[in-house]
N, C-alpha and C. Protein backbone atom coordinates (compact mmCIF):
# COMPACT_ATOMS: atom_id res chain seq x y z
N UNK A 1 -46.47 -8.61 18.48
CA UNK A 1 -46.46 -7.19 18.21
C UNK A 1 -47.11 -6.93 16.86
N UNK A 2 -47.98 -5.96 16.80
CA UNK A 2 -48.70 -5.65 15.56
C UNK A 2 -47.79 -4.93 14.56
N UNK A 3 -48.24 -4.94 13.31
CA UNK A 3 -47.53 -4.22 12.26
C UNK A 3 -47.40 -2.74 12.62
N UNK A 4 -48.46 -2.17 13.18
CA UNK A 4 -48.45 -0.75 13.53
C UNK A 4 -47.40 -0.45 14.60
N UNK A 5 -47.27 -1.34 15.59
CA UNK A 5 -46.26 -1.15 16.64
C UNK A 5 -44.86 -1.25 16.06
N UNK A 6 -44.66 -2.20 15.13
CA UNK A 6 -43.36 -2.32 14.47
C UNK A 6 -43.05 -1.07 13.66
N UNK A 7 -44.04 -0.55 12.96
CA UNK A 7 -43.87 0.66 12.18
C UNK A 7 -43.49 1.84 13.07
N UNK A 8 -44.15 1.98 14.21
CA UNK A 8 -43.83 3.07 15.14
C UNK A 8 -42.41 2.94 15.68
N UNK A 9 -41.98 1.72 15.98
CA UNK A 9 -40.59 1.50 16.43
C UNK A 9 -39.60 1.94 15.37
N UNK A 10 -39.85 1.53 14.14
CA UNK A 10 -38.94 1.87 13.04
C UNK A 10 -38.87 3.38 12.82
N UNK A 11 -39.99 4.05 12.96
CA UNK A 11 -40.02 5.51 12.77
C UNK A 11 -39.30 6.25 13.89
N UNK A 12 -39.03 5.57 15.02
CA UNK A 12 -38.27 6.19 16.11
C UNK A 12 -36.77 6.24 15.80
N UNK A 13 -36.35 5.54 14.78
CA UNK A 13 -34.96 5.59 14.36
C UNK A 13 -34.30 4.22 14.37
N UNK A 14 -33.19 4.15 13.67
CA UNK A 14 -32.47 2.89 13.49
C UNK A 14 -31.95 2.35 14.82
N UNK A 15 -31.46 3.20 15.72
CA UNK A 15 -30.94 2.72 17.00
C UNK A 15 -32.03 2.00 17.80
N UNK A 16 -33.21 2.59 17.87
CA UNK A 16 -34.33 1.99 18.60
C UNK A 16 -34.75 0.69 17.92
N UNK A 17 -34.86 0.72 16.58
CA UNK A 17 -35.25 -0.46 15.82
C UNK A 17 -34.27 -1.61 16.01
N UNK A 18 -32.99 -1.33 15.84
CA UNK A 18 -31.98 -2.39 15.94
C UNK A 18 -31.89 -2.95 17.36
N UNK A 19 -32.10 -2.11 18.37
CA UNK A 19 -32.12 -2.61 19.76
C UNK A 19 -33.29 -3.57 19.94
N UNK A 20 -34.44 -3.23 19.39
CA UNK A 20 -35.60 -4.11 19.46
C UNK A 20 -35.33 -5.42 18.74
N UNK A 21 -34.69 -5.34 17.56
CA UNK A 21 -34.37 -6.56 16.79
C UNK A 21 -33.43 -7.47 17.58
N UNK A 22 -32.45 -6.88 18.29
CA UNK A 22 -31.52 -7.69 19.09
C UNK A 22 -32.24 -8.38 20.25
N UNK A 23 -33.24 -7.73 20.84
CA UNK A 23 -33.99 -8.31 21.95
C UNK A 23 -35.00 -9.37 21.49
N UNK A 24 -35.39 -9.30 20.21
CA UNK A 24 -36.41 -10.20 19.67
C UNK A 24 -35.92 -10.83 18.37
N UNK A 25 -34.84 -11.63 18.43
CA UNK A 25 -34.23 -12.15 17.21
C UNK A 25 -35.11 -13.13 16.42
N UNK A 26 -36.12 -13.70 17.06
CA UNK A 26 -36.96 -14.67 16.35
C UNK A 26 -38.19 -14.04 15.70
N UNK A 27 -38.44 -12.76 15.97
CA UNK A 27 -39.60 -12.08 15.38
C UNK A 27 -39.28 -11.69 13.94
N UNK A 28 -40.19 -12.03 13.04
CA UNK A 28 -40.06 -11.63 11.64
C UNK A 28 -40.83 -10.33 11.44
N UNK A 29 -40.14 -9.23 11.17
CA UNK A 29 -40.83 -7.96 10.99
C UNK A 29 -41.81 -8.01 9.82
N UNK A 30 -43.00 -7.52 10.05
CA UNK A 30 -44.02 -7.50 9.00
C UNK A 30 -44.42 -6.05 8.75
N UNK A 31 -43.84 -5.49 7.70
CA UNK A 31 -44.11 -4.11 7.31
C UNK A 31 -44.73 -4.08 5.92
N UNK A 32 -45.48 -5.13 5.63
CA UNK A 32 -46.17 -5.32 4.36
C UNK A 32 -47.05 -4.11 4.06
N UNK A 33 -46.81 -3.50 2.89
CA UNK A 33 -47.61 -2.38 2.37
C UNK A 33 -47.57 -1.13 3.25
N UNK A 34 -46.58 -1.01 4.13
CA UNK A 34 -46.47 0.19 4.97
C UNK A 34 -45.80 1.33 4.20
N UNK A 35 -46.05 2.55 4.62
CA UNK A 35 -45.44 3.73 4.02
C UNK A 35 -44.19 4.10 4.81
N UNK A 36 -43.03 3.81 4.23
CA UNK A 36 -41.74 4.13 4.84
C UNK A 36 -40.99 5.14 3.97
N UNK A 37 -41.72 5.81 3.11
CA UNK A 37 -41.09 6.73 2.15
C UNK A 37 -40.33 7.84 2.86
N UNK A 38 -39.13 8.10 2.34
CA UNK A 38 -38.33 9.21 2.82
C UNK A 38 -37.64 9.02 4.16
N UNK A 39 -37.81 7.86 4.78
CA UNK A 39 -37.17 7.65 6.09
C UNK A 39 -35.67 7.45 5.94
N UNK A 40 -34.94 7.74 7.00
CA UNK A 40 -33.51 7.45 7.05
C UNK A 40 -33.33 6.12 7.77
N UNK A 41 -33.18 5.05 7.01
CA UNK A 41 -33.01 3.71 7.56
C UNK A 41 -31.58 3.20 7.31
N UNK A 42 -30.66 4.13 7.24
CA UNK A 42 -29.26 3.80 7.00
C UNK A 42 -28.77 2.81 8.07
N UNK A 43 -28.28 1.66 7.60
CA UNK A 43 -27.70 0.65 8.48
C UNK A 43 -28.71 -0.18 9.24
N UNK A 44 -30.01 -0.03 8.97
CA UNK A 44 -31.04 -0.75 9.72
C UNK A 44 -30.99 -2.25 9.45
N UNK A 45 -31.28 -3.03 10.48
CA UNK A 45 -31.39 -4.48 10.35
C UNK A 45 -32.82 -4.80 9.93
N UNK A 46 -33.02 -4.99 8.64
CA UNK A 46 -34.31 -5.36 8.09
C UNK A 46 -34.26 -6.76 7.49
N UNK A 47 -33.30 -7.57 7.96
CA UNK A 47 -33.18 -8.92 7.44
C UNK A 47 -34.44 -9.71 7.75
N UNK A 48 -34.83 -10.52 6.78
CA UNK A 48 -36.01 -11.40 6.88
C UNK A 48 -37.34 -10.64 7.03
N UNK A 49 -37.33 -9.34 6.81
CA UNK A 49 -38.56 -8.54 6.94
C UNK A 49 -39.48 -8.75 5.75
N UNK A 50 -40.77 -8.66 6.01
CA UNK A 50 -41.75 -8.65 4.94
C UNK A 50 -42.04 -7.19 4.61
N UNK A 51 -41.48 -6.75 3.50
CA UNK A 51 -41.68 -5.38 3.02
C UNK A 51 -42.41 -5.39 1.68
N UNK A 52 -43.12 -6.47 1.40
CA UNK A 52 -43.84 -6.60 0.13
C UNK A 52 -44.86 -5.47 0.00
N UNK A 53 -44.83 -4.83 -1.16
CA UNK A 53 -45.78 -3.75 -1.42
C UNK A 53 -45.53 -2.49 -0.63
N UNK A 54 -44.44 -2.42 0.12
CA UNK A 54 -44.15 -1.24 0.93
C UNK A 54 -43.76 -0.05 0.06
N UNK A 55 -44.04 1.15 0.55
CA UNK A 55 -43.63 2.37 -0.11
C UNK A 55 -42.31 2.81 0.52
N UNK A 56 -41.23 2.60 -0.22
CA UNK A 56 -39.89 2.97 0.24
C UNK A 56 -39.27 4.03 -0.67
N UNK A 57 -40.13 4.81 -1.32
CA UNK A 57 -39.68 5.88 -2.22
C UNK A 57 -38.75 6.83 -1.49
N UNK A 58 -37.61 7.13 -2.14
CA UNK A 58 -36.67 8.13 -1.63
C UNK A 58 -36.12 7.78 -0.24
N UNK A 59 -36.20 6.53 0.16
CA UNK A 59 -35.73 6.11 1.48
C UNK A 59 -34.23 5.86 1.46
N UNK A 60 -33.55 6.25 2.52
CA UNK A 60 -32.12 5.99 2.66
C UNK A 60 -31.95 4.62 3.30
N UNK A 61 -31.53 3.65 2.49
CA UNK A 61 -31.27 2.30 2.96
C UNK A 61 -29.79 1.95 2.79
N UNK A 62 -28.95 2.97 2.72
CA UNK A 62 -27.51 2.72 2.59
C UNK A 62 -27.04 1.84 3.74
N UNK A 63 -26.26 0.83 3.42
CA UNK A 63 -25.65 -0.10 4.38
C UNK A 63 -26.67 -0.87 5.22
N UNK A 64 -27.93 -0.90 4.79
CA UNK A 64 -28.95 -1.67 5.52
C UNK A 64 -28.76 -3.16 5.25
N UNK A 65 -29.26 -3.97 6.17
CA UNK A 65 -29.24 -5.42 6.03
C UNK A 65 -30.63 -5.87 5.61
N UNK A 66 -30.76 -6.23 4.34
CA UNK A 66 -32.04 -6.69 3.80
C UNK A 66 -31.94 -8.15 3.34
N UNK A 67 -31.01 -8.89 3.92
CA UNK A 67 -30.86 -10.30 3.55
C UNK A 67 -32.16 -11.05 3.82
N UNK A 68 -32.52 -11.91 2.88
CA UNK A 68 -33.69 -12.79 2.99
C UNK A 68 -35.01 -12.03 3.15
N UNK A 69 -35.03 -10.77 2.82
CA UNK A 69 -36.26 -9.98 2.94
C UNK A 69 -37.13 -10.12 1.70
N UNK A 70 -38.42 -9.92 1.88
CA UNK A 70 -39.36 -9.91 0.77
C UNK A 70 -39.72 -8.46 0.46
N UNK A 71 -39.35 -8.04 -0.74
CA UNK A 71 -39.67 -6.70 -1.21
C UNK A 71 -40.49 -6.80 -2.50
N UNK A 72 -41.26 -7.86 -2.61
CA UNK A 72 -42.07 -8.12 -3.81
C UNK A 72 -43.04 -6.96 -4.03
N UNK A 73 -42.94 -6.36 -5.21
CA UNK A 73 -43.84 -5.26 -5.55
C UNK A 73 -43.62 -3.98 -4.77
N UNK A 74 -42.54 -3.87 -4.04
CA UNK A 74 -42.27 -2.66 -3.26
C UNK A 74 -41.88 -1.51 -4.19
N UNK A 75 -42.17 -0.29 -3.78
CA UNK A 75 -41.78 0.91 -4.52
C UNK A 75 -40.54 1.49 -3.86
N UNK A 76 -39.41 1.26 -4.50
CA UNK A 76 -38.12 1.75 -4.01
C UNK A 76 -37.59 2.85 -4.94
N UNK A 77 -38.45 3.44 -5.75
CA UNK A 77 -37.97 4.43 -6.71
C UNK A 77 -37.26 5.58 -5.99
N UNK A 78 -36.07 5.89 -6.50
CA UNK A 78 -35.27 6.97 -5.93
C UNK A 78 -34.61 6.64 -4.61
N UNK A 79 -34.72 5.40 -4.14
CA UNK A 79 -34.11 5.02 -2.86
C UNK A 79 -32.59 4.92 -3.01
N UNK A 80 -31.91 5.09 -1.89
CA UNK A 80 -30.45 4.94 -1.85
C UNK A 80 -30.14 3.62 -1.15
N UNK A 81 -29.48 2.73 -1.90
CA UNK A 81 -29.16 1.39 -1.42
C UNK A 81 -27.66 1.12 -1.56
N UNK A 82 -26.85 2.13 -1.33
CA UNK A 82 -25.40 1.99 -1.46
C UNK A 82 -24.88 1.08 -0.36
N UNK A 83 -24.10 0.09 -0.76
CA UNK A 83 -23.50 -0.90 0.15
C UNK A 83 -24.55 -1.68 0.94
N UNK A 84 -25.74 -1.81 0.40
CA UNK A 84 -26.82 -2.55 1.06
C UNK A 84 -26.67 -4.03 0.78
N UNK A 85 -26.93 -4.86 1.79
CA UNK A 85 -26.87 -6.30 1.63
C UNK A 85 -28.25 -6.82 1.28
N UNK A 86 -28.42 -7.22 0.02
CA UNK A 86 -29.68 -7.74 -0.49
C UNK A 86 -29.55 -9.22 -0.85
N UNK A 87 -28.61 -9.91 -0.22
CA UNK A 87 -28.40 -11.33 -0.49
C UNK A 87 -29.69 -12.10 -0.22
N UNK A 88 -30.09 -12.92 -1.20
CA UNK A 88 -31.28 -13.77 -1.09
C UNK A 88 -32.58 -13.00 -0.94
N UNK A 89 -32.58 -11.69 -1.19
CA UNK A 89 -33.82 -10.90 -1.10
C UNK A 89 -34.67 -11.15 -2.35
N UNK A 90 -35.98 -11.03 -2.18
CA UNK A 90 -36.91 -11.16 -3.31
C UNK A 90 -37.45 -9.78 -3.66
N UNK A 91 -36.97 -9.25 -4.79
CA UNK A 91 -37.38 -7.94 -5.28
C UNK A 91 -38.22 -8.08 -6.55
N UNK A 92 -38.87 -9.21 -6.71
CA UNK A 92 -39.68 -9.46 -7.91
C UNK A 92 -40.76 -8.39 -8.04
N UNK A 93 -40.84 -7.81 -9.22
CA UNK A 93 -41.85 -6.79 -9.49
C UNK A 93 -41.63 -5.47 -8.76
N UNK A 94 -40.49 -5.31 -8.12
CA UNK A 94 -40.21 -4.07 -7.39
C UNK A 94 -39.88 -2.93 -8.35
N UNK A 95 -40.22 -1.73 -7.94
CA UNK A 95 -39.90 -0.52 -8.70
C UNK A 95 -38.61 0.06 -8.13
N UNK A 96 -37.53 -0.12 -8.87
CA UNK A 96 -36.21 0.35 -8.45
C UNK A 96 -35.70 1.45 -9.38
N UNK A 97 -36.61 2.16 -10.02
CA UNK A 97 -36.20 3.24 -10.92
C UNK A 97 -35.40 4.30 -10.18
N UNK A 98 -34.30 4.73 -10.82
CA UNK A 98 -33.46 5.81 -10.30
C UNK A 98 -32.87 5.51 -8.91
N UNK A 99 -32.69 4.24 -8.59
CA UNK A 99 -32.05 3.85 -7.32
C UNK A 99 -30.55 3.85 -7.48
N UNK A 100 -29.86 4.12 -6.40
CA UNK A 100 -28.40 3.98 -6.39
C UNK A 100 -28.08 2.72 -5.59
N UNK A 101 -27.68 1.67 -6.31
CA UNK A 101 -27.34 0.39 -5.71
C UNK A 101 -25.82 0.15 -5.75
N UNK A 102 -25.05 1.21 -5.83
CA UNK A 102 -23.59 1.07 -5.90
C UNK A 102 -23.07 0.23 -4.75
N UNK A 103 -22.21 -0.71 -5.07
CA UNK A 103 -21.54 -1.59 -4.10
C UNK A 103 -22.52 -2.47 -3.32
N UNK A 104 -23.74 -2.63 -3.82
CA UNK A 104 -24.72 -3.50 -3.16
C UNK A 104 -24.41 -4.96 -3.45
N UNK A 105 -24.77 -5.83 -2.52
CA UNK A 105 -24.63 -7.27 -2.71
C UNK A 105 -25.99 -7.84 -3.06
N UNK A 106 -26.14 -8.24 -4.32
CA UNK A 106 -27.38 -8.81 -4.82
C UNK A 106 -27.23 -10.31 -5.08
N UNK A 107 -26.31 -10.95 -4.38
CA UNK A 107 -26.09 -12.38 -4.57
C UNK A 107 -27.39 -13.15 -4.32
N UNK A 108 -27.73 -13.99 -5.27
CA UNK A 108 -28.90 -14.87 -5.20
C UNK A 108 -30.22 -14.12 -5.02
N UNK A 109 -30.21 -12.81 -5.25
CA UNK A 109 -31.45 -12.03 -5.17
C UNK A 109 -32.32 -12.33 -6.38
N UNK A 110 -33.62 -12.14 -6.21
CA UNK A 110 -34.57 -12.31 -7.30
C UNK A 110 -35.10 -10.93 -7.69
N UNK A 111 -34.81 -10.56 -8.93
CA UNK A 111 -35.27 -9.28 -9.46
C UNK A 111 -36.17 -9.53 -10.68
N UNK A 112 -36.94 -10.59 -10.62
CA UNK A 112 -37.81 -10.98 -11.72
C UNK A 112 -38.82 -9.86 -11.97
N UNK A 113 -38.86 -9.38 -13.23
CA UNK A 113 -39.77 -8.31 -13.64
C UNK A 113 -39.59 -7.01 -12.85
N UNK A 114 -38.45 -6.81 -12.22
CA UNK A 114 -38.18 -5.56 -11.51
C UNK A 114 -37.87 -4.45 -12.51
N UNK A 115 -38.18 -3.22 -12.15
CA UNK A 115 -37.90 -2.07 -13.00
C UNK A 115 -36.66 -1.36 -12.45
N UNK A 116 -35.56 -1.48 -13.17
CA UNK A 116 -34.29 -0.87 -12.78
C UNK A 116 -33.92 0.29 -13.71
N UNK A 117 -34.90 0.85 -14.38
CA UNK A 117 -34.66 1.93 -15.35
C UNK A 117 -33.92 3.09 -14.68
N UNK A 118 -32.83 3.52 -15.32
CA UNK A 118 -32.02 4.66 -14.89
C UNK A 118 -31.41 4.49 -13.50
N UNK A 119 -31.26 3.26 -13.06
CA UNK A 119 -30.62 3.01 -11.76
C UNK A 119 -29.11 2.96 -11.91
N UNK A 120 -28.43 3.17 -10.80
CA UNK A 120 -26.97 3.10 -10.76
C UNK A 120 -26.61 1.77 -10.10
N UNK A 121 -25.94 0.93 -10.86
CA UNK A 121 -25.57 -0.41 -10.39
C UNK A 121 -24.06 -0.59 -10.54
N UNK A 122 -23.31 0.28 -9.91
CA UNK A 122 -21.85 0.26 -10.06
C UNK A 122 -21.22 -0.62 -8.98
N UNK A 123 -20.35 -1.52 -9.43
CA UNK A 123 -19.60 -2.40 -8.54
C UNK A 123 -20.52 -3.24 -7.65
N UNK A 124 -21.56 -3.79 -8.27
CA UNK A 124 -22.50 -4.64 -7.53
C UNK A 124 -22.11 -6.10 -7.65
N UNK A 125 -22.51 -6.90 -6.68
CA UNK A 125 -22.29 -8.34 -6.71
C UNK A 125 -23.55 -8.98 -7.26
N UNK A 126 -23.39 -9.75 -8.34
CA UNK A 126 -24.53 -10.37 -9.03
C UNK A 126 -24.41 -11.89 -9.07
N UNK A 127 -23.79 -12.52 -8.10
CA UNK A 127 -23.62 -13.97 -8.12
C UNK A 127 -24.98 -14.66 -8.04
N UNK A 128 -25.33 -15.40 -9.10
CA UNK A 128 -26.58 -16.17 -9.17
C UNK A 128 -27.83 -15.30 -8.99
N UNK A 129 -27.76 -14.04 -9.39
CA UNK A 129 -28.91 -13.13 -9.31
C UNK A 129 -29.85 -13.42 -10.47
N UNK A 130 -31.16 -13.48 -10.21
CA UNK A 130 -32.15 -13.74 -11.25
C UNK A 130 -32.73 -12.41 -11.73
N UNK A 131 -32.35 -12.03 -12.96
CA UNK A 131 -32.83 -10.78 -13.55
C UNK A 131 -33.84 -11.05 -14.67
N UNK A 132 -34.50 -12.21 -14.64
CA UNK A 132 -35.46 -12.58 -15.66
C UNK A 132 -36.53 -11.50 -15.81
N UNK A 133 -36.66 -10.97 -17.02
CA UNK A 133 -37.69 -9.98 -17.31
C UNK A 133 -37.45 -8.62 -16.69
N UNK A 134 -36.30 -8.40 -16.07
CA UNK A 134 -36.02 -7.10 -15.45
C UNK A 134 -35.86 -6.04 -16.54
N UNK A 135 -36.35 -4.85 -16.27
CA UNK A 135 -36.28 -3.73 -17.20
C UNK A 135 -35.12 -2.84 -16.76
N UNK A 136 -34.07 -2.77 -17.59
CA UNK A 136 -32.85 -2.06 -17.17
C UNK A 136 -32.46 -0.92 -18.12
N UNK A 137 -33.37 -0.44 -18.92
CA UNK A 137 -33.07 0.63 -19.88
C UNK A 137 -32.50 1.85 -19.14
N UNK A 138 -31.36 2.34 -19.64
CA UNK A 138 -30.74 3.53 -19.09
C UNK A 138 -30.00 3.31 -17.79
N UNK A 139 -29.92 2.06 -17.32
CA UNK A 139 -29.20 1.78 -16.07
C UNK A 139 -27.70 1.75 -16.33
N UNK A 140 -26.93 2.17 -15.34
CA UNK A 140 -25.47 2.07 -15.40
C UNK A 140 -25.07 0.84 -14.62
N UNK A 141 -24.55 -0.18 -15.32
CA UNK A 141 -24.24 -1.45 -14.67
C UNK A 141 -22.76 -1.76 -14.81
N UNK A 142 -22.09 -1.93 -13.69
CA UNK A 142 -20.70 -2.38 -13.65
C UNK A 142 -20.59 -3.40 -12.53
N UNK A 143 -20.50 -4.70 -12.86
CA UNK A 143 -20.39 -5.70 -11.80
C UNK A 143 -19.09 -5.58 -11.03
N UNK A 144 -19.11 -6.02 -9.78
CA UNK A 144 -17.91 -6.09 -8.95
C UNK A 144 -16.95 -7.08 -9.59
N UNK A 145 -15.68 -6.77 -9.60
CA UNK A 145 -14.68 -7.69 -10.15
C UNK A 145 -14.24 -8.67 -9.08
N UNK A 146 -13.95 -9.89 -9.52
CA UNK A 146 -13.34 -10.86 -8.61
C UNK A 146 -11.94 -10.39 -8.30
N UNK A 147 -11.40 -10.80 -7.15
CA UNK A 147 -10.04 -10.40 -6.77
C UNK A 147 -9.03 -10.82 -7.84
N UNK A 148 -9.28 -11.96 -8.50
CA UNK A 148 -8.37 -12.45 -9.53
C UNK A 148 -8.37 -11.53 -10.75
N UNK A 149 -9.49 -10.83 -10.98
CA UNK A 149 -9.62 -9.97 -12.15
C UNK A 149 -9.12 -8.56 -11.89
N UNK A 150 -9.04 -8.14 -10.64
CA UNK A 150 -8.69 -6.76 -10.34
C UNK A 150 -7.21 -6.48 -10.65
N UNK A 151 -7.00 -5.30 -11.15
CA UNK A 151 -5.65 -4.89 -11.48
C UNK A 151 -5.06 -4.15 -10.29
N UNK A 152 -3.83 -4.49 -9.88
CA UNK A 152 -3.20 -3.90 -8.70
C UNK A 152 -2.58 -2.64 -9.03
């Protein structure tokens, strides 16, 4: 399936996309450099997808599955990533300005040279996350507490 066909499926909505993903579990979605700006991809299964260089500005990715995805150099400025699973995702060089990543799981994610300026990073999981060279000026950062640390 071509990138264009995958893009058209995704634009039909999350239900159509996720049904296709269930029928084709071995296909790696390739949405490299595609324009997905402003779409509602809430809860979408985008695990292992190639979204490098994609335009995801103002996109709703709340509760999406982006595990093991490549978002290298992607523009996610203003995107909503609340409760999004970004475990093992590569966001190196990504533009995450003004994103809401509240309650996101960034375990083992790579955010090398990512721009997180003015982003909301409340109650995020940062286990073994690589933030080398990340720009975080004006970001609100509160890591998730371990159960042992939480007050009852």
